[in-house]
Protein backbone atom coordinates (compact mmCIF):
# COMPACT_ATOMS: atom_id res chain seq x y z
CA MET A 1 34.39 22.23 23.58
CA ARG A 2 31.68 21.44 26.11
CA PHE A 3 29.51 24.24 24.66
CA LEU A 4 29.84 22.76 21.14
CA LEU A 5 28.83 19.33 22.40
CA GLN A 6 25.79 20.73 24.18
CA GLY A 7 24.84 22.68 21.05
CA ALA A 8 25.11 19.54 18.93
CA VAL A 9 22.92 17.61 21.37
CA LEU A 10 20.30 20.37 21.32
CA LEU A 11 20.42 20.57 17.52
CA GLY A 12 20.04 16.77 17.31
CA ALA A 13 17.07 16.86 19.69
CA ALA A 14 15.42 19.68 17.75
CA THR A 15 15.92 17.79 14.47
CA GLY A 16 14.41 14.66 16.03
CA LEU A 17 11.36 16.60 17.21
CA ALA A 18 10.92 18.20 13.80
CA LEU A 19 11.08 14.82 12.07
CA ALA A 20 8.63 13.33 14.54
CA ALA A 21 6.21 16.21 13.93
CA THR A 22 6.50 15.93 10.15
CA PRO A 23 3.86 13.63 8.66
CA ALA A 24 5.23 10.60 6.84
CA ALA A 25 5.26 10.86 3.08
CA ALA A 26 2.47 8.83 1.57
CA ASP A 27 3.21 5.89 -0.69
CA TRP A 28 1.10 5.10 -3.71
CA ARG A 29 -0.04 1.48 -3.71
CA TYR A 30 -2.46 -1.07 -5.08
CA CYS A 31 -3.00 -4.57 -3.76
CA LEU A 32 -3.26 -7.86 -5.58
CA ALA A 33 -3.70 -11.54 -4.84
CA ARG A 34 -4.00 -14.68 -6.93
CA GLY A 35 -7.21 -16.63 -6.64
CA PRO A 36 -8.30 -20.04 -7.85
CA ALA A 37 -8.89 -20.93 -11.52
CA ARG A 38 -6.21 -18.55 -12.84
CA THR A 39 -7.78 -15.45 -11.30
CA VAL A 40 -5.98 -12.34 -10.05
CA TYR A 41 -7.69 -9.73 -7.86
CA LEU A 42 -6.44 -6.13 -8.12
CA SER A 43 -7.49 -3.17 -5.98
CA ALA A 44 -7.89 0.41 -7.09
CA PRO A 45 -4.79 2.61 -6.69
CA PHE A 46 -4.57 4.56 -3.45
CA SER A 47 -2.27 6.79 -1.40
CA THR A 48 -1.47 5.78 2.17
CA VAL A 49 0.96 6.05 5.04
CA ALA A 50 -0.19 2.70 6.45
CA ALA A 51 2.35 -0.08 6.91
CA MET A 52 2.44 -2.82 4.29
CA PRO A 53 1.46 -5.67 6.64
CA SER A 54 -1.74 -3.85 7.65
CA LEU A 55 -2.61 -3.21 3.98
CA ASP A 56 -1.96 -6.84 3.06
CA ALA A 57 -4.18 -7.96 5.95
CA ALA A 58 -6.98 -5.49 5.10
CA PHE A 59 -7.14 -6.52 1.42
CA GLY A 60 -7.05 -10.20 2.39
CA LEU A 61 -9.83 -9.67 4.91
CA MET A 62 -11.97 -7.98 2.28
CA LEU A 63 -11.41 -10.94 -0.07
CA ASP A 64 -12.29 -13.32 2.77
CA ARG A 65 -15.49 -11.37 3.61
CA SER A 66 -16.54 -11.52 -0.06
CA HIS A 67 -15.87 -15.30 -0.13
CA ARG A 68 -13.00 -15.05 -2.60
CA ALA A 69 -10.34 -17.69 -1.99
CA HIS A 70 -6.87 -16.23 -2.48
CA ASP A 71 -3.14 -16.66 -2.08
CA PRO A 72 -1.04 -14.19 -0.04
CA VAL A 73 -1.64 -10.52 -0.76
CA GLN A 74 0.94 -8.11 -2.16
CA CYS A 75 0.67 -4.33 -2.15
CA PRO A 76 3.37 -2.88 -4.42
CA ARG A 77 4.40 0.74 -3.81
CA ALA A 78 5.52 3.69 -5.90
CA ASP A 79 6.59 7.24 -5.13
CA SER A 80 4.00 8.84 -7.40
CA ALA A 81 0.51 8.23 -8.75
CA ALA A 82 1.83 8.12 -12.31
CA ALA A 83 4.47 5.50 -11.48
CA LEU A 84 1.87 3.40 -9.68
CA ARG A 85 -0.59 3.60 -12.58
CA ALA A 86 2.17 2.37 -14.90
CA MET A 87 3.04 -0.50 -12.55
CA ARG A 88 -0.60 -1.52 -12.20
CA LEU A 89 -1.18 -1.36 -15.94
CA THR A 90 1.87 -3.59 -16.49
CA ALA A 91 0.47 -6.11 -13.96
CA LEU A 92 -2.94 -6.04 -15.70
CA ARG A 93 -1.41 -6.62 -19.14
CA TYR A 94 1.01 -9.30 -17.97
CA ASN A 95 -1.65 -11.33 -16.17
CA ARG A 96 -4.14 -11.05 -19.05
CA GLN A 97 -1.47 -12.10 -21.56
CA ASP A 98 -0.60 -15.02 -19.29
CA GLY A 99 -4.22 -16.22 -19.50
CA GLU A 100 -5.30 -15.03 -16.07
CA THR A 101 -8.75 -13.58 -15.44
CA VAL A 102 -8.13 -10.17 -13.88
CA VAL A 103 -10.80 -8.97 -11.47
CA GLU A 104 -10.49 -5.27 -10.72
CA LEU A 105 -12.00 -4.40 -7.36
CA ASP A 106 -13.01 -0.89 -6.33
CA TRP A 107 -11.26 -1.29 -2.98
CA THR A 108 -9.04 1.06 -1.02
CA PRO A 109 -8.31 0.99 2.73
CA ASP A 110 -10.31 4.22 3.19
CA ARG A 111 -13.41 2.89 1.43
CA ASP A 112 -13.10 -0.39 3.29
CA ALA A 113 -12.94 1.36 6.69
CA ALA A 114 -15.93 3.55 5.78
CA ALA A 115 -17.99 0.50 4.80
CA LYS A 116 -17.55 -1.26 8.17
CA PRO A 117 -20.37 -0.80 10.67
């Protein structure tokens, strides 16, 4: 019995190490935020393993740096590029039909990081 328990502990530890060594699966995302005068800002789609709060903050900071007033940022996620493109297209259509001015920004976290001095 003791041998089985030790084997289970070793197997659990090996599984934990394997999971820790495996890179996290990337999410597909885009970010958006409402601005003044019925404006909505949308980023380009991107793939990332970054946490949502850091993405929200990065997109908000870019809007702040470009002097675009905005409400809180959202960065919806999808499991695939195709699903994200469909979600983003739905957001574009919905906001345009609702009378919003949609401003598409060529922003991704990678491009933003590369642009910083």
